[in-house]
Amino acid sequence: MAVVDWRRRVGELYAQVRVTADPADAHASWVSGRDALLRDHPASPVPRSCRRDFPGARVAPYDPDFRFVVSLDTDVFAERRTVTTGTDGVVVFVLVGRVDMPAVGTLDVWWLAGYGGGLFLPLKDATSGRGSYGGGRYILDTVKGADLGGDAQGLVVDLNFAYQPSCAYDEAWACPLAGPGNTVPVPVPVGELAQAPTGG
């Protein structure tokens, strides 16, 4: 039941993001809400032994230049990816389109081909393995509640909401990661970043 509650709370957090008029205010609420989940929720990917001293995720200040409302180009071959995950077993993703973001690049958009379905948009950029998690970050994972909104005319892709997958916090998790079609050569210095080293 802990995972069910986690997903419910994530869905509520993103619902609040979608109805907040100012994207920067929405981002601030998302940061504090996500920190509370990472630190206190029993289904947090942060190892239990580390939660008490968890300082919160390291997140860059909001930058409106990294918020896009883009059309989904669906003129793509329906490529399929099969991924083994930590909590959901083997899942299949189908390529449903691409989004193009000026000065950033083009990213593949995937559909989870399972019950309920959902959009999945991971990102790997020039900060991956340096300032952010090496395997990349997630922008959208709508089946798990991470949905920034949009409509038939445009999908909201706000890179300030890029977040680390669970495996960035604990290697016991197995997560779908960004492939070549979700890799851009430029840095995306916003969103959730790798934790700063401590101690020493």
Foldseek 3Di string as FASTA:
>chain_A
DLLVVQLVLLQVLLVQCQPDPDNQVSLVSSQVSVQCCLQPGPPHLAPPVCSVVDPGFDFDRADVLQKDWWAWAQPDDFDKDWFAWLPPGIWIWTFRGWTARPPWGIATWIWTPDVPIFIWAWAAEQCDVPWAPVQTWTQDDPVSNNANDDDNHTGIRRCLATHHDSCLNPVSIGDDGDDPRRYTYHDDRGHTTRDDDDDD
